[in-house]
PDB file of N, CA and C in Angstrom:
ATOM      1  N   MET A   1       0.848  -1.174   0.000  1.00  0.00           N
ATOM      2  CA  MET A   1       0.000   0.000   0.000  1.00  0.00           C
ATOM      3  C   MET A   1       0.895   1.239   0.000  1.00  0.00           C
ATOM      4  N   SER A   2       0.583   2.196  -0.864  1.00  0.00           N
ATOM      5  CA  SER A   2       1.368   3.423  -0.930  1.00  0.00           C
ATOM      6  C   SER A   2       1.089   4.288   0.295  1.00  0.00           C
ATOM      7  N   LEU A   3       1.972   5.240   0.532  1.00  0.00           N
ATOM      8  CA  LEU A   3       1.779   6.152   1.657  1.00  0.00           C
ATOM      9  C   LEU A   3       0.515   6.983   1.463  1.00  0.00           C
ATOM     10  N   ALA A   4       0.216   7.388   0.236  1.00  0.00           N
ATOM     11  CA  ALA A   4      -1.013   8.138  -0.033  1.00  0.00           C
ATOM     12  C   ALA A   4      -2.247   7.313   0.344  1.00  0.00           C
ATOM     13  N   GLN A   5      -2.224   6.017   0.032  1.00  0.00           N
ATOM     14  CA  GLN A   5      -3.340   5.143   0.397  1.00  0.00           C
ATOM     15  C   GLN A   5      -3.449   4.991   1.915  1.00  0.00           C
ATOM     16  N   GLN A   6      -2.319   4.901   2.595  1.00  0.00           N
ATOM     17  CA  GLN A   6      -2.323   4.803   4.060  1.00  0.00           C
ATOM     18  C   GLN A   6      -2.904   6.066   4.681  1.00  0.00           C
ATOM     19  N   ILE A   7      -2.508   7.220   4.148  1.00  0.00           N
ATOM     20  CA  ILE A   7      -3.032   8.499   4.640  1.00  0.00           C
ATOM     21  C   ILE A   7      -4.539   8.541   4.441  1.00  0.00           C
ATOM     22  N   GLN A   8      -4.999   8.166   3.259  1.00  0.00           N
ATOM     23  CA  GLN A   8      -6.433   8.184   2.974  1.00  0.00           C
ATOM     24  C   GLN A   8      -7.190   7.243   3.910  1.00  0.00           C
ATOM     25  N   GLN A   9      -6.661   6.060   4.126  1.00  0.00           N
ATOM     26  CA  GLN A   9      -7.319   5.099   4.997  1.00  0.00           C
ATOM     27  C   GLN A   9      -7.417   5.628   6.430  1.00  0.00           C
ATOM     28  N   LYS A  10      -6.329   6.151   6.963  1.00  0.00           N
ATOM     29  CA  LYS A  10      -6.340   6.662   8.334  1.00  0.00           C
ATOM     30  C   LYS A  10      -7.315   7.825   8.500  1.00  0.00           C
ATOM     31  N   LEU A  11      -7.284   8.764   7.552  1.00  0.00           N
ATOM     32  CA  LEU A  11      -8.182   9.912   7.646  1.00  0.00           C
ATOM     33  C   LEU A  11      -9.635   9.496   7.473  1.00  0.00           C
ATOM     34  N   SER A  12      -9.893   8.542   6.598  1.00  0.00           N
ATOM     35  CA  SER A  12     -11.264   8.056   6.390  1.00  0.00           C
ATOM     36  C   SER A  12     -11.808   7.405   7.651  1.00  0.00           C
ATOM     37  N   GLU A  13     -10.980   6.594   8.290  1.00  0.00           N
ATOM     38  CA  GLU A  13     -11.413   5.917   9.517  1.00  0.00           C
ATOM     39  C   GLU A  13     -11.635   6.904  10.658  1.00  0.00           C
ATOM     40  N   ALA A  14     -10.807   7.919  10.760  1.00  0.00           N
ATOM     41  CA  ALA A  14     -10.875   8.844  11.896  1.00  0.00           C
ATOM     42  C   ALA A  14     -11.904   9.955  11.717  1.00  0.00           C
ATOM     43  N   LEU A  15     -12.117  10.422  10.479  1.00  0.00           N
ATOM     44  CA  LEU A  15     -12.932  11.618  10.276  1.00  0.00           C
ATOM     45  C   LEU A  15     -14.183  11.395   9.432  1.00  0.00           C
ATOM     46  N   SER A  16     -14.425  10.188   8.982  1.00  0.00           N
ATOM     47  CA  SER A  16     -15.628   9.840   8.203  1.00  0.00           C
ATOM     48  C   SER A  16     -15.982  10.904   7.162  1.00  0.00           C
ATOM     49  N   PRO A  17     -15.087  11.164   6.228  1.00  0.00           N
ATOM     50  CA  PRO A  17     -15.352  12.233   5.259  1.00  0.00           C
ATOM     51  C   PRO A  17     -16.427  11.864   4.241  1.00  0.00           C
ATOM     52  N   SER A  18     -17.126  12.892   3.770  1.00  0.00           N
ATOM     53  CA  SER A  18     -18.054  12.704   2.661  1.00  0.00           C
ATOM     54  C   SER A  18     -17.307  12.830   1.339  1.00  0.00           C
ATOM     55  N   HIS A  19     -16.124  13.419   1.392  1.00  0.00           N
ATOM     56  CA  HIS A  19     -15.259  13.536   0.206  1.00  0.00           C
ATOM     57  C   HIS A  19     -13.814  13.562   0.691  1.00  0.00           C
ATOM     58  N   ILE A  20     -12.947  12.816   0.018  1.00  0.00           N
ATOM     59  CA  ILE A  20     -11.525  12.834   0.353  1.00  0.00           C
ATOM     60  C   ILE A  20     -10.700  12.610  -0.912  1.00  0.00           C
ATOM     61  N   GLU A  21      -9.648  13.388  -1.023  1.00  0.00           N
ATOM     62  CA  GLU A  21      -8.657  13.229  -2.086  1.00  0.00           C
ATOM     63  C   GLU A  21      -7.290  13.292  -1.417  1.00  0.00           C
ATOM     64  N   VAL A  22      -6.448  12.345  -1.696  1.00  0.00           N
ATOM     65  CA  VAL A  22      -5.071  12.367  -1.217  1.00  0.00           C
ATOM     66  C   VAL A  22      -4.175  12.173  -2.430  1.00  0.00           C
ATOM     67  N   ALA A  23      -3.322  13.145  -2.690  1.00  0.00           N
ATOM     68  CA  ALA A  23      -2.443  13.071  -3.856  1.00  0.00           C
ATOM     69  C   ALA A  23      -0.998  13.270  -3.427  1.00  0.00           C
ATOM     70  N   CYS A  24      -0.144  12.431  -3.946  1.00  0.00           N
ATOM     71  CA  CYS A  24       1.294  12.597  -3.751  1.00  0.00           C
ATOM     72  C   CYS A  24       1.764  13.620  -4.777  1.00  0.00           C
ATOM     73  N   GLU A  25       2.323  14.722  -4.291  1.00  0.00           N
ATOM     74  CA  GLU A  25       2.808  15.769  -5.179  1.00  0.00           C
ATOM     75  C   GLU A  25       4.330  15.876  -5.155  1.00  0.00           C
ATOM     76  N   SER A  26       4.973  14.823  -4.738  1.00  0.00           N
ATOM     77  CA  SER A  26       6.433  14.833  -4.648  1.00  0.00           C
ATOM     78  C   SER A  26       7.086  15.106  -5.997  1.00  0.00           C
ATOM     79  N   HIS A  27       6.457  14.649  -7.076  1.00  0.00           N
ATOM     80  CA  HIS A  27       7.013  14.866  -8.417  1.00  0.00           C
ATOM     81  C   HIS A  27       7.138  16.343  -8.764  1.00  0.00           C
ATOM     82  N   MET A  28       6.424  17.210  -8.037  1.00  0.00           N
ATOM     83  CA  MET A  28       6.459  18.647  -8.276  1.00  0.00           C
ATOM     84  C   MET A  28       7.605  19.324  -7.518  1.00  0.00           C
ATOM     85  N   HIS A  29       8.365  18.549  -6.774  1.00  0.00           N
ATOM     86  CA  HIS A  29       9.405  19.102  -5.909  1.00  0.00           C
ATOM     87  C   HIS A  29      10.769  18.527  -6.246  1.00  0.00           C
ATOM     88  N   ASN A  30      11.776  19.115  -5.665  1.00  0.00           N
ATOM     89  CA  ASN A  30      13.157  18.714  -5.925  1.00  0.00           C
ATOM     90  C   ASN A  30      13.527  17.540  -5.018  1.00  0.00           C
ATOM     91  N   VAL A  31      12.968  16.375  -5.328  1.00  0.00           N
ATOM     92  CA  VAL A  31      13.224  15.147  -4.562  1.00  0.00           C
ATOM     93  C   VAL A  31      13.518  14.017  -5.549  1.00  0.00           C
ATOM     94  N   PRO A  32      14.125  12.944  -5.085  1.00  0.00           N
ATOM     95  CA  PRO A  32      14.401  11.825  -5.994  1.00  0.00           C
ATOM     96  C   PRO A  32      13.116  11.253  -6.606  1.00  0.00           C
ATOM     97  N   ALA A  33      13.207  10.770  -7.811  1.00  0.00           N
ATOM     98  CA  ALA A  33      12.065  10.154  -8.495  1.00  0.00           C
ATOM     99  C   ALA A  33      11.500   9.022  -7.643  1.00  0.00           C
ATOM    100  N   GLY A  34      10.190   8.936  -7.585  1.00  0.00           N
ATOM    101  CA  GLY A  34       9.534   7.879  -6.822  1.00  0.00           C
ATOM    102  C   GLY A  34       9.345   8.197  -5.352  1.00  0.00           C
ATOM    103  N   SER A  35       9.779   9.378  -4.916  1.00  0.00           N
ATOM    104  CA  SER A  35       9.637   9.758  -3.505  1.00  0.00           C
ATOM    105  C   SER A  35       8.171   9.968  -3.141  1.00  0.00           C
ATOM    106  N   GLU A  36       7.851   9.684  -1.893  1.00  0.00           N
ATOM    107  CA  GLU A  36       6.523   9.968  -1.331  1.00  0.00           C
ATOM    108  C   GLU A  36       6.742  10.816  -0.088  1.00  0.00           C
ATOM    109  N   MET A  37       6.822  12.125  -0.293  1.00  0.00           N
ATOM    110  CA  MET A  37       7.129  13.035   0.808  1.00  0.00           C
ATOM    111  C   MET A  37       6.184  14.231   0.878  1.00  0.00           C
ATOM    112  N   HIS A  38       5.668  14.670  -0.250  1.00  0.00           N
ATOM    113  CA  HIS A  38       4.826  15.857  -0.344  1.00  0.00           C
ATOM    114  C   HIS A  38       3.415  15.423  -0.738  1.00  0.00           C
ATOM    115  N   PHE A  39       2.424  15.828   0.069  1.00  0.00           N
ATOM    116  CA  PHE A  39       1.053  15.386  -0.176  1.00  0.00           C
ATOM    117  C   PHE A  39       0.076  16.545  -0.117  1.00  0.00           C
ATOM    118  N   ARG A  40      -1.010  16.380  -0.850  1.00  0.00           N
ATOM    119  CA  ARG A  40      -2.128  17.318  -0.846  1.00  0.00           C
ATOM    120  C   ARG A  40      -3.356  16.531  -0.415  1.00  0.00           C
ATOM    121  N   VAL A  41      -4.055  17.054   0.580  1.00  0.00           N
ATOM    122  CA  VAL A  41      -5.258  16.398   1.081  1.00  0.00           C
ATOM    123  C   VAL A  41      -6.432  17.371   0.977  1.00  0.00           C
ATOM    124  N   VAL A  42      -7.491  16.918   0.345  1.00  0.00           N
ATOM    125  CA  VAL A  42      -8.759  17.636   0.313  1.00  0.00           C
ATOM    126  C   VAL A  42      -9.743  16.756   1.059  1.00  0.00           C
ATOM    127  N   LEU A  43     -10.334  17.298   2.119  1.00  0.00           N
ATOM    128  CA  LEU A  43     -11.189  16.476   2.970  1.00  0.00           C
ATOM    129  C   LEU A  43     -12.413  17.275   3.395  1.00  0.00           C
ATOM    130  N   VAL A  44     -13.572  16.686   3.211  1.00  0.00           N
ATOM    131  CA  VAL A  44     -14.844  17.289   3.617  1.00  0.00           C
ATOM    132  C   VAL A  44     -15.440  16.388   4.690  1.00  0.00           C
ATOM    133  N   SER A  45     -15.669  16.972   5.878  1.00  0.00           N
ATOM    134  CA  SER A  45     -16.163  16.152   6.988  1.00  0.00           C
ATOM    135  C   SER A  45     -16.997  16.987   7.954  1.00  0.00           C
ATOM    136  N   ASP A  46     -18.021  16.342   8.511  1.00  0.00           N
ATOM    137  CA  ASP A  46     -18.816  16.974   9.562  1.00  0.00           C
ATOM    138  C   ASP A  46     -17.993  17.166  10.836  1.00  0.00           C
ATOM    139  N   ALA A  47     -16.875  16.456  10.937  1.00  0.00           N
ATOM    140  CA  ALA A  47     -15.999  16.601  12.103  1.00  0.00           C
ATOM    141  C   ALA A  47     -15.417  18.013  12.190  1.00  0.00           C
ATOM    142  N   PHE A  48     -15.508  18.789  11.104  1.00  0.00           N
ATOM    143  CA  PHE A  48     -14.973  20.146  11.087  1.00  0.00           C
ATOM    144  C   PHE A  48     -16.024  21.207  11.392  1.00  0.00           C
ATOM    145  N   SER A  49     -17.262  20.801  11.611  1.00  0.00           N
ATOM    146  CA  SER A  49     -18.327  21.759  11.911  1.00  0.00           C
ATOM    147  C   SER A  49     -18.031  22.494  13.219  1.00  0.00           C
ATOM    148  N   GLY A  50     -18.058  23.813  13.147  1.00  0.00           N
ATOM    149  CA  GLY A  50     -17.805  24.637  14.324  1.00  0.00           C
ATOM    150  C   GLY A  50     -16.350  24.645  14.774  1.00  0.00           C
ATOM    151  N   VAL A  51     -15.451  24.160  13.930  1.00  0.00           N
ATOM    152  CA  VAL A  51     -14.036  24.053  14.280  1.00  0.00           C
ATOM    153  C   VAL A  51     -13.237  25.028  13.412  1.00  0.00           C
ATOM    154  N   ARG A  52     -12.398  25.849  14.053  1.00  0.00           N
ATOM    155  CA  ARG A  52     -11.569  26.808  13.318  1.00  0.00           C
ATOM    156  C   ARG A  52     -10.522  26.083  12.474  1.00  0.00           C
ATOM    157  N   LYS A  53      -9.971  26.796  11.500  1.00  0.00           N
ATOM    158  CA  LYS A  53      -9.014  26.193  10.564  1.00  0.00           C
ATOM    159  C   LYS A  53      -7.809  25.583  11.273  1.00  0.00           C
ATOM    160  N   VAL A  54      -7.249  26.279  12.218  1.00  0.00           N
ATOM    161  CA  VAL A  54      -6.072  25.753  12.923  1.00  0.00           C
ATOM    162  C   VAL A  54      -6.413  24.450  13.641  1.00  0.00           C
ATOM    163  N   GLN A  55      -7.573  24.399  14.257  1.00  0.00           N
ATOM    164  CA  GLN A  55      -7.988  23.188  14.966  1.00  0.00           C
ATOM    165  C   GLN A  55      -8.272  22.044  13.983  1.00  0.00           C
ATOM    166  N   ARG A  56      -8.739  22.348  12.812  1.00  0.00           N
ATOM    167  CA  ARG A  56      -8.950  21.323  11.785  1.00  0.00           C
ATOM    168  C   ARG A  56      -7.605  20.700  11.410  1.00  0.00           C
ATOM    169  N   HIS A  57      -6.622  21.555  11.191  1.00  0.00           N
ATOM    170  CA  HIS A  57      -5.282  21.064  10.861  1.00  0.00           C
ATOM    171  C   HIS A  57      -4.732  20.206  11.993  1.00  0.00           C
ATOM    172  N   GLN A  58      -4.941  20.642  13.215  1.00  0.00           N
ATOM    173  CA  GLN A  58      -4.465  19.876  14.369  1.00  0.00           C
ATOM    174  C   GLN A  58      -5.112  18.498  14.432  1.00  0.00           C
ATOM    175  N   LYS A  59      -6.389  18.411  14.076  1.00  0.00           N
ATOM    176  CA  LYS A  59      -7.065  17.105  14.046  1.00  0.00           C
ATOM    177  C   LYS A  59      -6.387  16.171  13.041  1.00  0.00           C
ATOM    178  N   VAL A  60      -6.096  16.687  11.866  1.00  0.00           N
ATOM    179  CA  VAL A  60      -5.450  15.873  10.831  1.00  0.00           C
ATOM    180  C   VAL A  60      -4.046  15.483  11.274  1.00  0.00           C
ATOM    181  N   TYR A  61      -3.290  16.451  11.824  1.00  0.00           N
ATOM    182  CA  TYR A  61      -1.940  16.151  12.301  1.00  0.00           C
ATOM    183  C   TYR A  61      -1.962  15.072  13.378  1.00  0.00           C
ATOM    184  N   ALA A  62      -2.958  15.086  14.237  1.00  0.00           N
ATOM    185  CA  ALA A  62      -3.052  14.076  15.294  1.00  0.00           C
ATOM    186  C   ALA A  62      -3.281  12.691  14.692  1.00  0.00           C
ATOM    187  N   VAL A  63      -4.136  12.614  13.682  1.00  0.00           N
ATOM    188  CA  VAL A  63      -4.405  11.331  13.027  1.00  0.00           C
ATOM    189  C   VAL A  63      -3.146  10.816  12.321  1.00  0.00           C
ATOM    190  N   LEU A  64      -2.384  11.732  11.747  1.00  0.00           N
ATOM    191  CA  LEU A  64      -1.203  11.361  10.961  1.00  0.00           C
ATOM    192  C   LEU A  64       0.106  11.593  11.720  1.00  0.00           C
ATOM    193  N   ALA A  65       0.061  11.567  13.036  1.00  0.00           N
ATOM    194  CA  ALA A  65       1.245  11.867  13.851  1.00  0.00           C
ATOM    195  C   ALA A  65       2.445  10.997  13.483  1.00  0.00           C
ATOM    196  N   GLU A  66       2.218   9.717  13.280  1.00  0.00           N
ATOM    197  CA  GLU A  66       3.313   8.803  12.947  1.00  0.00           C
ATOM    198  C   GLU A  66       3.939   9.169  11.605  1.00  0.00           C
ATOM    199  N   GLU A  67       3.096   9.453  10.622  1.00  0.00           N
ATOM    200  CA  GLU A  67       3.585   9.805   9.290  1.00  0.00           C
ATOM    201  C   GLU A  67       4.272  11.171   9.291  1.00  0.00           C
ATOM    202  N   MET A  68       3.745  12.111  10.084  1.00  0.00           N
ATOM    203  CA  MET A  68       4.344  13.441  10.163  1.00  0.00           C
ATOM    204  C   MET A  68       5.726  13.384  10.813  1.00  0.00           C
ATOM    205  N   ALA A  69       5.942  12.426  11.684  1.00  0.00           N
ATOM    206  CA  ALA A  69       7.242  12.265  12.342  1.00  0.00           C
ATOM    207  C   ALA A  69       8.235  11.547  11.440  1.00  0.00           C
ATOM    208  N   GLY A  70       7.738  10.946  10.383  1.00  0.00           N
ATOM    209  CA  GLY A  70       8.611  10.142   9.523  1.00  0.00           C
ATOM    210  C   GLY A  70       8.616  10.582   8.087  1.00  0.00           C
ATOM    211  N   PRO A  71       7.896   9.873   7.239  1.00  0.00           N
ATOM    212  CA  PRO A  71       8.068  10.072   5.801  1.00  0.00           C
ATOM    213  C   PRO A  71       7.470  11.357   5.227  1.00  0.00           C
ATOM    214  N   ILE A  72       6.468  11.961   5.870  1.00  0.00           N
ATOM    215  CA  ILE A  72       5.857  13.163   5.293  1.00  0.00           C
ATOM    216  C   ILE A  72       6.753  14.366   5.563  1.00  0.00           C
ATOM    217  N   HIS A  73       7.088  15.059   4.482  1.00  0.00           N
ATOM    218  CA  HIS A  73       7.871  16.294   4.588  1.00  0.00           C
ATOM    219  C   HIS A  73       6.956  17.511   4.500  1.00  0.00           C
ATOM    220  N   ALA A  74       5.940  17.436   3.641  1.00  0.00           N
ATOM    221  CA  ALA A  74       5.020  18.557   3.439  1.00  0.00           C
ATOM    222  C   ALA A  74       3.609  18.021   3.240  1.00  0.00           C
ATOM    223  N   LEU A  75       2.653  18.750   3.822  1.00  0.00           N
ATOM    224  CA  LEU A  75       1.259  18.319   3.756  1.00  0.00           C
ATOM    225  C   LEU A  75       0.388  19.543   3.517  1.00  0.00           C
ATOM    226  N   ALA A  76      -0.153  19.671   2.311  1.00  0.00           N
ATOM    227  CA  ALA A  76      -1.067  20.765   1.976  1.00  0.00           C
ATOM    228  C   ALA A  76      -2.470  20.306   2.327  1.00  0.00           C
ATOM    229  N   LEU A  77      -3.134  21.040   3.217  1.00  0.00           N
ATOM    230  CA  LEU A  77      -4.455  20.640   3.694  1.00  0.00           C
ATOM    231  C   LEU A  77      -5.527  21.615   3.228  1.00  0.00           C
ATOM    232  N   HIS A  78      -6.586  21.067   2.665  1.00  0.00           N
ATOM    233  CA  HIS A  78      -7.778  21.817   2.264  1.00  0.00           C
ATOM    234  C   HIS A  78      -8.935  21.117   2.955  1.00  0.00           C
ATOM    235  N   LEU A  79      -9.401  21.696   4.063  1.00  0.00           N
ATOM    236  CA  LEU A  79     -10.355  21.026   4.951  1.00  0.00           C
ATOM    237  C   LEU A  79     -11.655  21.819   5.015  1.00  0.00           C
ATOM    238  N   TYR A  80     -12.760  21.143   4.753  1.00  0.00           N
ATOM    239  CA  TYR A  80     -14.052  21.811   4.632  1.00  0.00           C
ATOM    240  C   TYR A  80     -15.156  21.053   5.373  1.00  0.00           C
ATOM    241  N   THR A  81     -16.203  21.787   5.719  1.00  0.00           N
ATOM    242  CA  THR A  81     -17.463  21.151   6.113  1.00  0.00           C
ATOM    243  C   THR A  81     -18.262  20.982   4.821  1.00  0.00           C
ATOM    244  N   ALA A  82     -19.329  20.217   4.875  1.00  0.00           N
ATOM    245  CA  ALA A  82     -20.172  20.019   3.692  1.00  0.00           C
ATOM    246  C   ALA A  82     -20.732  21.355   3.197  1.00  0.00           C
ATOM    247  N   GLU A  83     -21.058  22.248   4.114  1.00  0.00           N
ATOM    248  CA  GLU A  83     -21.618  23.547   3.748  1.00  0.00           C
ATOM    249  C   GLU A  83     -20.585  24.434   3.052  1.00  0.00           C
ATOM    250  N   GLU A  84     -19.327  24.287   3.402  1.00  0.00           N
ATOM    251  CA  GLU A  84     -18.254  25.098   2.817  1.00  0.00           C
ATOM    252  C   GLU A  84     -17.760  24.564   1.477  1.00  0.00           C
ATOM    253  N   TRP A  85     -17.930  23.278   1.265  1.00  0.00           N
ATOM    254  CA  TRP A  85     -17.370  22.617   0.087  1.00  0.00           C
ATOM    255  C   TRP A  85     -18.069  23.086  -1.174  1.00  0.00           C
ATOM    256  N   GLU A  86     -17.286  23.543  -2.134  1.00  0.00           N
ATOM    257  CA  GLU A  86     -17.821  24.017  -3.411  1.00  0.00           C
ATOM    258  C   GLU A  86     -17.454  23.093  -4.557  1.00  0.00           C
ATOM    259  N   GLY A  87     -16.934  21.903  -4.237  1.00  0.00           N
ATOM    260  CA  GLY A  87     -16.637  20.919  -5.264  1.00  0.00           C
ATOM    261  C   GLY A  87     -15.227  20.939  -5.797  1.00  0.00           C
ATOM    262  N   GLN A  88     -14.433  21.922  -5.375  1.00  0.00           N
ATOM    263  CA  GLN A  88     -13.067  21.999  -5.873  1.00  0.00           C
ATOM    264  C   GLN A  88     -12.206  22.785  -4.885  1.00  0.00           C
ATOM    265  N   ALA A  89     -10.997  22.304  -4.681  1.00  0.00           N
ATOM    266  CA  ALA A  89     -10.032  23.002  -3.835  1.00  0.00           C
ATOM    267  C   ALA A  89      -8.975  23.643  -4.723  1.00  0.00           C
ATOM    268  N   PRO A  90      -8.289  24.663  -4.215  1.00  0.00           N
ATOM    269  CA  PRO A  90      -7.252  25.293  -5.030  1.00  0.00           C
ATOM    270  C   PRO A  90      -6.126  24.328  -5.388  1.00  0.00           C
ATOM    271  N   ALA A  91      -5.548  24.524  -6.539  1.00  0.00           N
ATOM    272  CA  ALA A  91      -4.418  23.698  -6.969  1.00  0.00           C
ATOM    273  C   ALA A  91      -3.167  24.113  -6.211  1.00  0.00           C
ATOM    274  N   SER A  92      -2.252  23.196  -6.062  1.00  0.00           N
ATOM    275  CA  SER A  92      -0.983  23.491  -5.417  1.00  0.00           C
ATOM    276  C   SER A  92      -0.066  24.229  -6.392  1.00  0.00           C
ATOM    277  N   PRO A  93       0.684  25.197  -5.884  1.00  0.00           N
ATOM    278  CA  PRO A  93       1.623  25.900  -6.758  1.00  0.00           C
ATOM    279  C   PRO A  93       2.827  25.026  -7.081  1.00  0.00           C
ATOM    280  N   GLN A  94       3.503  25.338  -8.166  1.00  0.00           N
ATOM    281  CA  GLN A  94       4.720  24.609  -8.497  1.00  0.00           C
ATOM    282  C   GLN A  94       5.812  24.995  -7.505  1.00  0.00           C
ATOM    283  N   CYS A  95       6.635  24.042  -7.153  1.00  0.00           N
ATOM    284  CA  CYS A  95       7.732  24.260  -6.231  1.00  0.00           C
ATOM    285  C   CYS A  95       8.784  25.146  -6.883  1.00  0.00           C
ATOM    286  N   MET A  96       9.321  26.085  -6.123  1.00  0.00           N
ATOM    287  CA  MET A  96      10.392  26.942  -6.610  1.00  0.00           C
ATOM    288  C   MET A  96      11.651  26.760  -5.773  1.00  0.00           C
ATOM    289  N   GLY A  97      11.692  25.703  -4.967  1.00  0.00           N
ATOM    290  CA  GLY A  97      12.826  25.466  -4.090  1.00  0.00           C
ATOM    291  C   GLY A  97      13.930  24.678  -4.769  1.00  0.00           C
ATOM    292  N   GLY A  98      15.034  24.577  -4.079  1.00  0.00           N
ATOM    293  CA  GLY A  98      16.155  23.782  -4.567  1.00  0.00           C
ATOM    294  C   GLY A  98      16.618  24.216  -5.940  1.00  0.00           C
ATOM    295  N   SER A  99      16.815  23.273  -6.822  1.00  0.00           N
ATOM    296  CA  SER A  99      17.330  23.572  -8.160  1.00  0.00           C
ATOM    297  C   SER A  99      16.243  24.085  -9.101  1.00  0.00           C
ATOM    298  N   LYS A 100      14.991  24.159  -8.635  1.00  0.00           N
ATOM    299  CA  LYS A 100      13.900  24.599  -9.509  1.00  0.00           C
ATOM    300  C   LYS A 100      13.787  26.121  -9.541  1.00  0.00           C
ATOM    301  N   ALA A 101      14.470  26.812  -8.616  1.00  0.00           N
ATOM    302  CA  ALA A 101      14.369  28.279  -8.554  1.00  0.00           C
ATOM    303  C   ALA A 101      15.068  28.929  -9.738  1.00  0.00           C
TER     304      ALA A 101
END
């Protein structure tokens, strides 16, 4: 199972999302080919109702604590309630770090 699949499984079990997307975006960064370090998560869940953005991020970080301590280098989070979700999250910008600058 890929790390993206593990992330999706853990978040699905913990937050019961109505919509979830987990994408490995490592290919957009200055890392070795095949790396799984940079991820984008779009998650819509009732667990975020009445919860501020920082607290939403903290919930996700708590679920992924093991991965955040290890293989995950970067995690772009787009977290919504069903009422906030408009069907699309913003795209991630291209990396300008390392040799890509």
